[in-house]
Amino acid sequence: MKAKTMLITVIAFLSMCSCGQSKEEKAQQMAAKYLKGTLYHFKSYEPLQTKVDSFFVSLSCDNKAIEFTLEMLKLFQSAEEYARNVEHAERSMDIWSPNRFS
């Protein structure tokens, strides 16, 4: 009895999930609704469909991108080092100034 009710519940749940629209259909409806309000002659326009069949850029294989990334990391490290040096200099200046005025 328990298995039967569980099976009926699962079938009902799956049928309810399959009745909804896909994300692509929802996006198309939202775009059509927006364009109907924006365009003067909506029925004269036809939607275009594009497909990307390949992607030729890979940053992990691009030597120039890797070099720029390494250079940028070195610059960030030097900027952090300079900020630490400035903080250290300000602290030591406060300690050694005669009237604590820097």
PDB file of N, CA and C in Angstrom:
ATOM      1  N   MET A   1       0.827  -1.197   0.000  1.00  0.00           N
ATOM      2  CA  MET A   1       0.000   0.000   0.000  1.00  0.00           C
ATOM      3  C   MET A   1       0.869   1.258   0.000  1.00  0.00           C
ATOM      4  N   LYS A   2       1.938   1.221   0.837  1.00  0.00           N
ATOM      5  CA  LYS A   2       2.820   2.363   0.922  1.00  0.00           C
ATOM      6  C   LYS A   2       3.536   2.594  -0.408  1.00  0.00           C
ATOM      7  N   ALA A   3       3.959   1.517  -1.036  1.00  0.00           N
ATOM      8  CA  ALA A   3       4.673   1.621  -2.307  1.00  0.00           C
ATOM      9  C   ALA A   3       3.767   2.182  -3.401  1.00  0.00           C
ATOM     10  N   LYS A   4       2.500   1.792  -3.366  1.00  0.00           N
ATOM     11  CA  LYS A   4       1.549   2.274  -4.375  1.00  0.00           C
ATOM     12  C   LYS A   4       1.341   3.782  -4.245  1.00  0.00           C
ATOM     13  N   THR A   5       1.143   4.252  -3.012  1.00  0.00           N
ATOM     14  CA  THR A   5       0.923   5.689  -2.814  1.00  0.00           C
ATOM     15  C   THR A   5       2.179   6.473  -3.159  1.00  0.00           C
ATOM     16  N   MET A   6       3.340   5.902  -2.850  1.00  0.00           N
ATOM     17  CA  MET A   6       4.599   6.569  -3.182  1.00  0.00           C
ATOM     18  C   MET A   6       4.763   6.662  -4.692  1.00  0.00           C
ATOM     19  N   LEU A   7       4.429   5.595  -5.409  1.00  0.00           N
ATOM     20  CA  LEU A   7       4.518   5.580  -6.860  1.00  0.00           C
ATOM     21  C   LEU A   7       3.565   6.595  -7.474  1.00  0.00           C
ATOM     22  N   ILE A   8       2.355   6.668  -6.981  1.00  0.00           N
ATOM     23  CA  ILE A   8       1.371   7.629  -7.486  1.00  0.00           C
ATOM     24  C   ILE A   8       1.838   9.057  -7.224  1.00  0.00           C
ATOM     25  N   THR A   9       2.408   9.289  -6.056  1.00  0.00           N
ATOM     26  CA  THR A   9       2.911  10.618  -5.719  1.00  0.00           C
ATOM     27  C   THR A   9       4.053  11.017  -6.643  1.00  0.00           C
ATOM     28  N   VAL A  10       4.982  10.108  -6.903  1.00  0.00           N
ATOM     29  CA  VAL A  10       6.113  10.400  -7.778  1.00  0.00           C
ATOM     30  C   VAL A  10       5.637  10.678  -9.196  1.00  0.00           C
ATOM     31  N   ILE A  11       4.705   9.887  -9.691  1.00  0.00           N
ATOM     32  CA  ILE A  11       4.176  10.094 -11.042  1.00  0.00           C
ATOM     33  C   ILE A  11       3.463  11.438 -11.141  1.00  0.00           C
ATOM     34  N   ALA A  12       2.688  11.780 -10.119  1.00  0.00           N
ATOM     35  CA  ALA A  12       1.995  13.068 -10.121  1.00  0.00           C
ATOM     36  C   ALA A  12       2.993  14.221 -10.106  1.00  0.00           C
ATOM     37  N   PHE A  13       4.021  14.084  -9.299  1.00  0.00           N
ATOM     38  CA  PHE A  13       5.034  15.141  -9.215  1.00  0.00           C
ATOM     39  C   PHE A  13       5.762  15.321 -10.541  1.00  0.00           C
ATOM     40  N   LEU A  14       6.157  14.214 -11.162  1.00  0.00           N
ATOM     41  CA  LEU A  14       6.854  14.296 -12.440  1.00  0.00           C
ATOM     42  C   LEU A  14       5.977  14.864 -13.547  1.00  0.00           C
ATOM     43  N   SER A  15       4.695  14.535 -13.532  1.00  0.00           N
ATOM     44  CA  SER A  15       3.806  15.072 -14.556  1.00  0.00           C
ATOM     45  C   SER A  15       3.592  16.567 -14.368  1.00  0.00           C
ATOM     46  N   MET A  16       3.578  17.021 -13.117  1.00  0.00           N
ATOM     47  CA  MET A  16       3.425  18.459 -12.868  1.00  0.00           C
ATOM     48  C   MET A  16       4.677  19.214 -13.293  1.00  0.00           C
ATOM     49  N   CYS A  17       5.840  18.623 -13.088  1.00  0.00           N
ATOM     50  CA  CYS A  17       7.094  19.286 -13.466  1.00  0.00           C
ATOM     51  C   CYS A  17       7.251  19.355 -14.979  1.00  0.00           C
ATOM     52  N   SER A  18       6.798  18.361 -15.678  1.00  0.00           N
ATOM     53  CA  SER A  18       6.982  18.333 -17.124  1.00  0.00           C
ATOM     54  C   SER A  18       6.021  19.258 -17.857  1.00  0.00           C
ATOM     55  N   CYS A  19       4.988  19.729 -17.207  1.00  0.00           N
ATOM     56  CA  CYS A  19       4.012  20.586 -17.874  1.00  0.00           C
ATOM     57  C   CYS A  19       4.487  22.028 -17.999  1.00  0.00           C
ATOM     58  N   GLY A  20       5.446  22.448 -17.205  1.00  0.00           N
ATOM     59  CA  GLY A  20       5.912  23.827 -17.222  1.00  0.00           C
ATOM     60  C   GLY A  20       6.751  24.133 -18.448  1.00  0.00           C
ATOM     61  N   GLN A  21       6.939  25.414 -18.700  1.00  0.00           N
ATOM     62  CA  GLN A  21       7.727  25.847 -19.843  1.00  0.00           C
ATOM     63  C   GLN A  21       9.214  25.744 -19.516  1.00  0.00           C
ATOM     64  N   SER A  22      10.009  25.554 -20.541  1.00  0.00           N
ATOM     65  CA  SER A  22      11.446  25.531 -20.342  1.00  0.00           C
ATOM     66  C   SER A  22      11.949  26.970 -20.207  1.00  0.00           C
ATOM     67  N   LYS A  23      13.186  27.111 -19.782  1.00  0.00           N
ATOM     68  CA  LYS A  23      13.760  28.450 -19.614  1.00  0.00           C
ATOM     69  C   LYS A  23      13.848  29.176 -20.955  1.00  0.00           C
ATOM     70  N   GLU A  24      14.133  28.428 -22.003  1.00  0.00           N
ATOM     71  CA  GLU A  24      14.226  29.042 -23.325  1.00  0.00           C
ATOM     72  C   GLU A  24      12.871  29.582 -23.781  1.00  0.00           C
ATOM     73  N   GLU A  25      11.809  28.822 -23.551  1.00  0.00           N
ATOM     74  CA  GLU A  25      10.467  29.285 -23.933  1.00  0.00           C
ATOM     75  C   GLU A  25      10.061  30.505 -23.121  1.00  0.00           C
ATOM     76  N   LYS A  26      10.386  30.503 -21.830  1.00  0.00           N
ATOM     77  CA  LYS A  26      10.071  31.661 -20.994  1.00  0.00           C
ATOM     78  C   LYS A  26      10.825  32.891 -21.483  1.00  0.00           C
ATOM     79  N   ALA A  27      12.097  32.719 -21.845  1.00  0.00           N
ATOM     80  CA  ALA A  27      12.897  33.843 -22.334  1.00  0.00           C
ATOM     81  C   ALA A  27      12.335  34.375 -23.649  1.00  0.00           C
ATOM     82  N   GLN A  28      11.910  33.479 -24.535  1.00  0.00           N
ATOM     83  CA  GLN A  28      11.327  33.926 -25.800  1.00  0.00           C
ATOM     84  C   GLN A  28      10.036  34.699 -25.573  1.00  0.00           C
ATOM     85  N   GLN A  29       9.208  34.240 -24.657  1.00  0.00           N
ATOM     86  CA  GLN A  29       7.961  34.956 -24.372  1.00  0.00           C
ATOM     87  C   GLN A  29       8.238  36.328 -23.766  1.00  0.00           C
ATOM     88  N   MET A  30       9.217  36.390 -22.860  1.00  0.00           N
ATOM     89  CA  MET A  30       9.548  37.682 -22.256  1.00  0.00           C
ATOM     90  C   MET A  30      10.100  38.648 -23.302  1.00  0.00           C
ATOM     91  N   ALA A  31      10.930  38.145 -24.215  1.00  0.00           N
ATOM     92  CA  ALA A  31      11.482  38.997 -25.268  1.00  0.00           C
ATOM     93  C   ALA A  31      10.381  39.472 -26.204  1.00  0.00           C
ATOM     94  N   ALA A  32       9.469  38.584 -26.569  1.00  0.00           N
ATOM     95  CA  ALA A  32       8.364  38.970 -27.455  1.00  0.00           C
ATOM     96  C   ALA A  32       7.482  40.012 -26.784  1.00  0.00           C
ATOM     97  N   LYS A  33       7.217  39.848 -25.512  1.00  0.00           N
ATOM     98  CA  LYS A  33       6.394  40.814 -24.782  1.00  0.00           C
ATOM     99  C   LYS A  33       7.068  42.180 -24.747  1.00  0.00           C
ATOM    100  N   TYR A  34       8.368  42.193 -24.505  1.00  0.00           N
ATOM    101  CA  TYR A  34       9.107  43.456 -24.472  1.00  0.00           C
ATOM    102  C   TYR A  34       9.111  44.121 -25.842  1.00  0.00           C
ATOM    103  N   LEU A  35       9.362  43.334 -26.891  1.00  0.00           N
ATOM    104  CA  LEU A  35       9.435  43.905 -28.233  1.00  0.00           C
ATOM    105  C   LEU A  35       8.077  44.399 -28.721  1.00  0.00           C
ATOM    106  N   LYS A  36       7.000  43.737 -28.317  1.00  0.00           N
ATOM    107  CA  LYS A  36       5.658  44.209 -28.706  1.00  0.00           C
ATOM    108  C   LYS A  36       5.402  45.604 -28.173  1.00  0.00           C
ATOM    109  N   GLY A  37       5.916  45.880 -26.976  1.00  0.00           N
ATOM    110  CA  GLY A  37       5.717  47.204 -26.392  1.00  0.00           C
ATOM    111  C   GLY A  37       6.684  48.238 -26.924  1.00  0.00           C
ATOM    112  N   THR A  38       7.785  47.807 -27.523  1.00  0.00           N
ATOM    113  CA  THR A  38       8.829  48.734 -27.953  1.00  0.00           C
ATOM    114  C   THR A  38       8.775  49.055 -29.441  1.00  0.00           C
ATOM    115  N   LEU A  39       8.568  48.055 -30.277  1.00  0.00           N
ATOM    116  CA  LEU A  39       8.635  48.241 -31.722  1.00  0.00           C
ATOM    117  C   LEU A  39       7.318  48.759 -32.288  1.00  0.00           C
ATOM    118  N   TYR A  40       7.426  49.540 -33.348  1.00  0.00           N
ATOM    119  CA  TYR A  40       6.224  50.088 -33.979  1.00  0.00           C
ATOM    120  C   TYR A  40       5.468  49.017 -34.767  1.00  0.00           C
ATOM    121  N   HIS A  41       6.171  48.257 -35.564  1.00  0.00           N
ATOM    122  CA  HIS A  41       5.551  47.227 -36.395  1.00  0.00           C
ATOM    123  C   HIS A  41       6.129  45.876 -35.995  1.00  0.00           C
ATOM    124  N   PHE A  42       5.653  45.355 -34.902  1.00  0.00           N
ATOM    125  CA  PHE A  42       6.217  44.125 -34.336  1.00  0.00           C
ATOM    126  C   PHE A  42       6.085  42.942 -35.282  1.00  0.00           C
ATOM    127  N   LYS A  43       5.003  42.836 -36.003  1.00  0.00           N
ATOM    128  CA  LYS A  43       4.771  41.673 -36.855  1.00  0.00           C
ATOM    129  C   LYS A  43       5.684  41.649 -38.085  1.00  0.00           C
ATOM    130  N   SER A  44       6.320  42.778 -38.406  1.00  0.00           N
ATOM    131  CA  SER A  44       7.207  42.805 -39.561  1.00  0.00           C
ATOM    132  C   SER A  44       8.611  42.285 -39.225  1.00  0.00           C
ATOM    133  N   TYR A  45       8.891  42.088 -37.948  1.00  0.00           N
ATOM    134  CA  TYR A  45      10.216  41.592 -37.536  1.00  0.00           C
ATOM    135  C   TYR A  45      10.172  40.083 -37.352  1.00  0.00           C
ATOM    136  N   GLU A  46      11.290  39.434 -37.720  1.00  0.00           N
ATOM    137  CA  GLU A  46      11.422  37.993 -37.533  1.00  0.00           C
ATOM    138  C   GLU A  46      12.610  37.732 -36.614  1.00  0.00           C
ATOM    139  N   PRO A  47      12.466  36.809 -35.687  1.00  0.00           N
ATOM    140  CA  PRO A  47      13.587  36.537 -34.787  1.00  0.00           C
ATOM    141  C   PRO A  47      14.715  35.800 -35.516  1.00  0.00           C
ATOM    142  N   LEU A  48      15.931  36.085 -35.117  1.00  0.00           N
ATOM    143  CA  LEU A  48      17.084  35.425 -35.688  1.00  0.00           C
ATOM    144  C   LEU A  48      17.546  34.324 -34.745  1.00  0.00           C
ATOM    145  N   GLN A  49      18.141  33.315 -35.297  1.00  0.00           N
ATOM    146  CA  GLN A  49      18.657  32.236 -34.475  1.00  0.00           C
ATOM    147  C   GLN A  49      20.131  32.044 -34.822  1.00  0.00           C
ATOM    148  N   THR A  50      20.972  32.091 -33.802  1.00  0.00           N
ATOM    149  CA  THR A  50      22.395  31.892 -34.004  1.00  0.00           C
ATOM    150  C   THR A  50      22.861  30.720 -33.155  1.00  0.00           C
ATOM    151  N   LYS A  51      23.815  30.007 -33.680  1.00  0.00           N
ATOM    152  CA  LYS A  51      24.399  28.882 -32.948  1.00  0.00           C
ATOM    153  C   LYS A  51      25.912  29.031 -32.977  1.00  0.00           C
ATOM    154  N   VAL A  52      26.530  28.861 -31.838  1.00  0.00           N
ATOM    155  CA  VAL A  52      27.980  28.888 -31.759  1.00  0.00           C
ATOM    156  C   VAL A  52      28.452  27.452 -31.849  1.00  0.00           C
ATOM    157  N   ASP A  53      29.200  27.160 -32.910  1.00  0.00           N
ATOM    158  CA  ASP A  53      29.608  25.772 -33.095  1.00  0.00           C
ATOM    159  C   ASP A  53      31.002  25.492 -32.542  1.00  0.00           C
ATOM    160  N   SER A  54      31.790  26.536 -32.305  1.00  0.00           N
ATOM    161  CA  SER A  54      33.115  26.299 -31.734  1.00  0.00           C
ATOM    162  C   SER A  54      33.596  27.566 -31.038  1.00  0.00           C
ATOM    163  N   PHE A  55      34.575  27.369 -30.180  1.00  0.00           N
ATOM    164  CA  PHE A  55      35.139  28.459 -29.409  1.00  0.00           C
ATOM    165  C   PHE A  55      36.648  28.324 -29.527  1.00  0.00           C
ATOM    166  N   PHE A  56      37.314  29.347 -30.066  1.00  0.00           N
ATOM    167  CA  PHE A  56      38.716  29.210 -30.408  1.00  0.00           C
ATOM    168  C   PHE A  56      39.677  29.821 -29.399  1.00  0.00           C
ATOM    169  N   VAL A  57      39.200  30.543 -28.405  1.00  0.00           N
ATOM    170  CA  VAL A  57      40.081  31.224 -27.476  1.00  0.00           C
ATOM    171  C   VAL A  57      40.149  30.443 -26.177  1.00  0.00           C
ATOM    172  N   SER A  58      41.355  30.143 -25.752  1.00  0.00           N
ATOM    173  CA  SER A  58      41.573  29.479 -24.480  1.00  0.00           C
ATOM    174  C   SER A  58      42.682  30.237 -23.757  1.00  0.00           C
ATOM    175  N   LEU A  59      42.352  30.882 -22.666  1.00  0.00           N
ATOM    176  CA  LEU A  59      43.333  31.685 -21.953  1.00  0.00           C
ATOM    177  C   LEU A  59      44.405  30.830 -21.293  1.00  0.00           C
ATOM    178  N   SER A  60      44.093  29.582 -21.005  1.00  0.00           N
ATOM    179  CA  SER A  60      45.093  28.730 -20.370  1.00  0.00           C
ATOM    180  C   SER A  60      46.203  28.344 -21.345  1.00  0.00           C
ATOM    181  N   CYS A  61      45.962  28.448 -22.632  1.00  0.00           N
ATOM    182  CA  CYS A  61      46.983  28.107 -23.634  1.00  0.00           C
ATOM    183  C   CYS A  61      47.608  29.355 -24.258  1.00  0.00           C
ATOM    184  N   ASP A  62      47.087  30.518 -23.974  1.00  0.00           N
ATOM    185  CA  ASP A  62      47.589  31.749 -24.565  1.00  0.00           C
ATOM    186  C   ASP A  62      48.771  32.262 -23.741  1.00  0.00           C
ATOM    187  N   ASN A  63      49.976  32.198 -24.315  1.00  0.00           N
ATOM    188  CA  ASN A  63      51.188  32.582 -23.584  1.00  0.00           C
ATOM    189  C   ASN A  63      51.188  34.057 -23.214  1.00  0.00           C
ATOM    190  N   LYS A  64      50.687  34.888 -24.096  1.00  0.00           N
ATOM    191  CA  LYS A  64      50.672  36.328 -23.819  1.00  0.00           C
ATOM    192  C   LYS A  64      49.761  36.646 -22.629  1.00  0.00           C
ATOM    193  N   ALA A  65      48.606  35.984 -22.561  1.00  0.00           N
ATOM    194  CA  ALA A  65      47.693  36.199 -21.434  1.00  0.00           C
ATOM    195  C   ALA A  65      48.327  35.713 -20.140  1.00  0.00           C
ATOM    196  N   ILE A  66      49.036  34.603 -20.183  1.00  0.00           N
ATOM    197  CA  ILE A  66      49.709  34.094 -18.986  1.00  0.00           C
ATOM    198  C   ILE A  66      50.800  35.062 -18.531  1.00  0.00           C
ATOM    199  N   GLU A  67      51.561  35.612 -19.471  1.00  0.00           N
ATOM    200  CA  GLU A  67      52.605  36.583 -19.128  1.00  0.00           C
ATOM    201  C   GLU A  67      52.008  37.834 -18.495  1.00  0.00           C
ATOM    202  N   PHE A  68      50.907  38.336 -19.072  1.00  0.00           N
ATOM    203  CA  PHE A  68      50.262  39.518 -18.509  1.00  0.00           C
ATOM    204  C   PHE A  68      49.731  39.248 -17.101  1.00  0.00           C
ATOM    205  N   THR A  69      49.191  38.055 -16.900  1.00  0.00           N
ATOM    206  CA  THR A  69      48.673  37.701 -15.579  1.00  0.00           C
ATOM    207  C   THR A  69      49.790  37.646 -14.554  1.00  0.00           C
ATOM    208  N   LEU A  70      50.907  37.031 -14.914  1.00  0.00           N
ATOM    209  CA  LEU A  70      52.043  36.965 -13.995  1.00  0.00           C
ATOM    210  C   LEU A  70      52.597  38.356 -13.696  1.00  0.00           C
ATOM    211  N   GLU A  71      52.661  39.192 -14.712  1.00  0.00           N
ATOM    212  CA  GLU A  71      53.130  40.569 -14.511  1.00  0.00           C
ATOM    213  C   GLU A  71      52.195  41.334 -13.585  1.00  0.00           C
ATOM    214  N   MET A  72      50.895  41.133 -13.769  1.00  0.00           N
ATOM    215  CA  MET A  72      49.919  41.802 -12.913  1.00  0.00           C
ATOM    216  C   MET A  72      50.045  41.325 -11.462  1.00  0.00           C
ATOM    217  N   LEU A  73      50.272  40.037 -11.269  1.00  0.00           N
ATOM    218  CA  LEU A  73      50.450  39.515  -9.914  1.00  0.00           C
ATOM    219  C   LEU A  73      51.691  40.102  -9.255  1.00  0.00           C
ATOM    220  N   LYS A  74      52.774  40.245 -10.015  1.00  0.00           N
ATOM    221  CA  LYS A  74      53.984  40.863  -9.468  1.00  0.00           C
ATOM    222  C   LYS A  74      53.724  42.311  -9.065  1.00  0.00           C
ATOM    223  N   LEU A  75      52.958  43.025  -9.894  1.00  0.00           N
ATOM    224  CA  LEU A  75      52.633  44.421  -9.559  1.00  0.00           C
ATOM    225  C   LEU A  75      51.790  44.508  -8.294  1.00  0.00           C
ATOM    226  N   PHE A  76      50.830  43.597  -8.135  1.00  0.00           N
ATOM    227  CA  PHE A  76      50.022  43.589  -6.917  1.00  0.00           C
ATOM    228  C   PHE A  76      50.876  43.300  -5.690  1.00  0.00           C
ATOM    229  N   GLN A  77      51.814  42.366  -5.824  1.00  0.00           N
ATOM    230  CA  GLN A  77      52.688  42.051  -4.700  1.00  0.00           C
ATOM    231  C   GLN A  77      53.561  43.240  -4.337  1.00  0.00           C
ATOM    232  N   SER A  78      54.098  43.929  -5.329  1.00  0.00           N
ATOM    233  CA  SER A  78      54.929  45.094  -5.027  1.00  0.00           C
ATOM    234  C   SER A  78      54.092  46.223  -4.434  1.00  0.00           C
ATOM    235  N   ALA A  79      52.860  46.386  -4.881  1.00  0.00           N
ATOM    236  CA  ALA A  79      51.995  47.414  -4.299  1.00  0.00           C
ATOM    237  C   ALA A  79      51.699  47.106  -2.839  1.00  0.00           C
ATOM    238  N   GLU A  80      51.461  45.836  -2.513  1.00  0.00           N
ATOM    239  CA  GLU A  80      51.231  45.461  -1.120  1.00  0.00           C
ATOM    240  C   GLU A  80      52.483  45.700  -0.282  1.00  0.00           C
ATOM    241  N   GLU A  81      53.649  45.395  -0.839  1.00  0.00           N
ATOM    242  CA  GLU A  81      54.902  45.614  -0.117  1.00  0.00           C
ATOM    243  C   GLU A  81      55.117  47.100   0.148  1.00  0.00           C
ATOM    244  N   TYR A  82      54.834  47.944  -0.852  1.00  0.00           N
ATOM    245  CA  TYR A  82      54.974  49.388  -0.664  1.00  0.00           C
ATOM    246  C   TYR A  82      53.998  49.894   0.396  1.00  0.00           C
ATOM    247  N   ALA A  83      52.781  49.375   0.403  1.00  0.00           N
ATOM    248  CA  ALA A  83      51.794  49.804   1.409  1.00  0.00           C
ATOM    249  C   ALA A  83      52.269  49.405   2.804  1.00  0.00           C
ATOM    250  N   ARG A  84      52.850  48.207   2.941  1.00  0.00           N
ATOM    251  CA  ARG A  84      53.383  47.785   4.248  1.00  0.00           C
ATOM    252  C   ARG A  84      54.543  48.672   4.673  1.00  0.00           C
ATOM    253  N   ASN A  85      55.416  49.018   3.731  1.00  0.00           N
ATOM    254  CA  ASN A  85      56.545  49.898   4.057  1.00  0.00           C
ATOM    255  C   ASN A  85      56.077  51.270   4.504  1.00  0.00           C
ATOM    256  N   VAL A  86      55.048  51.794   3.850  1.00  0.00           N
ATOM    257  CA  VAL A  86      54.501  53.098   4.237  1.00  0.00           C
ATOM    258  C   VAL A  86      53.911  53.032   5.639  1.00  0.00           C
ATOM    259  N   GLU A  87      53.144  51.980   5.929  1.00  0.00           N
ATOM    260  CA  GLU A  87      52.574  51.837   7.264  1.00  0.00           C
ATOM    261  C   GLU A  87      53.670  51.725   8.323  1.00  0.00           C
ATOM    262  N   HIS A  88      54.722  50.969   8.033  1.00  0.00           N
ATOM    263  CA  HIS A  88      55.820  50.813   8.980  1.00  0.00           C
ATOM    264  C   HIS A  88      56.526  52.150   9.221  1.00  0.00           C
ATOM    265  N   ALA A  89      56.746  52.901   8.137  1.00  0.00           N
ATOM    266  CA  ALA A  89      57.393  54.201   8.258  1.00  0.00           C
ATOM    267  C   ALA A  89      56.534  55.163   9.067  1.00  0.00           C
ATOM    268  N   GLU A  90      55.232  55.154   8.859  1.00  0.00           N
ATOM    269  CA  GLU A  90      54.347  56.037   9.630  1.00  0.00           C
ATOM    270  C   GLU A  90      54.355  55.666  11.105  1.00  0.00           C
ATOM    271  N   ARG A  91      54.363  54.354  11.416  1.00  0.00           N
ATOM    272  CA  ARG A  91      54.403  53.936  12.819  1.00  0.00           C
ATOM    273  C   ARG A  91      55.716  54.341  13.476  1.00  0.00           C
ATOM    274  N   SER A  92      56.822  54.134  12.778  1.00  0.00           N
ATOM    275  CA  SER A  92      58.105  54.501  13.369  1.00  0.00           C
ATOM    276  C   SER A  92      58.242  56.015  13.471  1.00  0.00           C
ATOM    277  N   MET A  93      57.647  56.754  12.556  1.00  0.00           N
ATOM    278  CA  MET A  93      57.680  58.209  12.625  1.00  0.00           C
ATOM    279  C   MET A  93      56.901  58.692  13.840  1.00  0.00           C
ATOM    280  N   ASP A  94      55.767  58.058  14.139  1.00  0.00           N
ATOM    281  CA  ASP A  94      54.984  58.433  15.314  1.00  0.00           C
ATOM    282  C   ASP A  94      55.736  58.120  16.600  1.00  0.00           C
ATOM    283  N   ILE A  95      56.488  57.038  16.618  1.00  0.00           N
ATOM    284  CA  ILE A  95      57.218  56.651  17.828  1.00  0.00           C
ATOM    285  C   ILE A  95      58.374  57.607  18.101  1.00  0.00           C
ATOM    286  N   TRP A  96      59.118  57.958  17.060  1.00  0.00           N
ATOM    287  CA  TRP A  96      60.339  58.714  17.255  1.00  0.00           C
ATOM    288  C   TRP A  96      60.152  60.226  17.163  1.00  0.00           C
ATOM    289  N   SER A  97      58.992  60.698  16.862  1.00  0.00           N
ATOM    290  CA  SER A  97      58.806  62.159  16.824  1.00  0.00           C
ATOM    291  C   SER A  97      58.732  62.684  18.255  1.00  0.00           C
ATOM    292  N   PRO A  98      59.300  63.873  18.518  1.00  0.00           N
ATOM    293  CA  PRO A  98      59.379  64.351  19.904  1.00  0.00           C
ATOM    294  C   PRO A  98      58.026  64.665  20.543  1.00  0.00           C
ATOM    295  N   ASN A  99      57.114  65.234  19.802  1.00  0.00           N
ATOM    296  CA  ASN A  99      55.825  65.603  20.409  1.00  0.00           C
ATOM    297  C   ASN A  99      54.651  64.803  19.815  1.00  0.00           C
ATOM    298  N   ARG A 100      54.942  63.636  19.276  1.00  0.00           N
ATOM    299  CA  ARG A 100      53.939  62.753  18.712  1.00  0.00           C
ATOM    300  C   ARG A 100      53.120  63.428  17.603  1.00  0.00           C
ATOM    301  N   PHE A 101      53.747  64.295  16.878  1.00  0.00           N
ATOM    302  CA  PHE A 101      53.061  64.966  15.771  1.00  0.00           C
ATOM    303  C   PHE A 101      53.768  64.596  14.490  1.00  0.00           C
ATOM    304  N   SER A 102      52.987  64.005  13.561  1.00  0.00           N
ATOM    305  CA  SER A 102      53.603  63.637  12.293  1.00  0.00           C
ATOM    306  C   SER A 102      52.919  64.353  11.159  1.00  0.00           C
TER     307      SER A 102
END
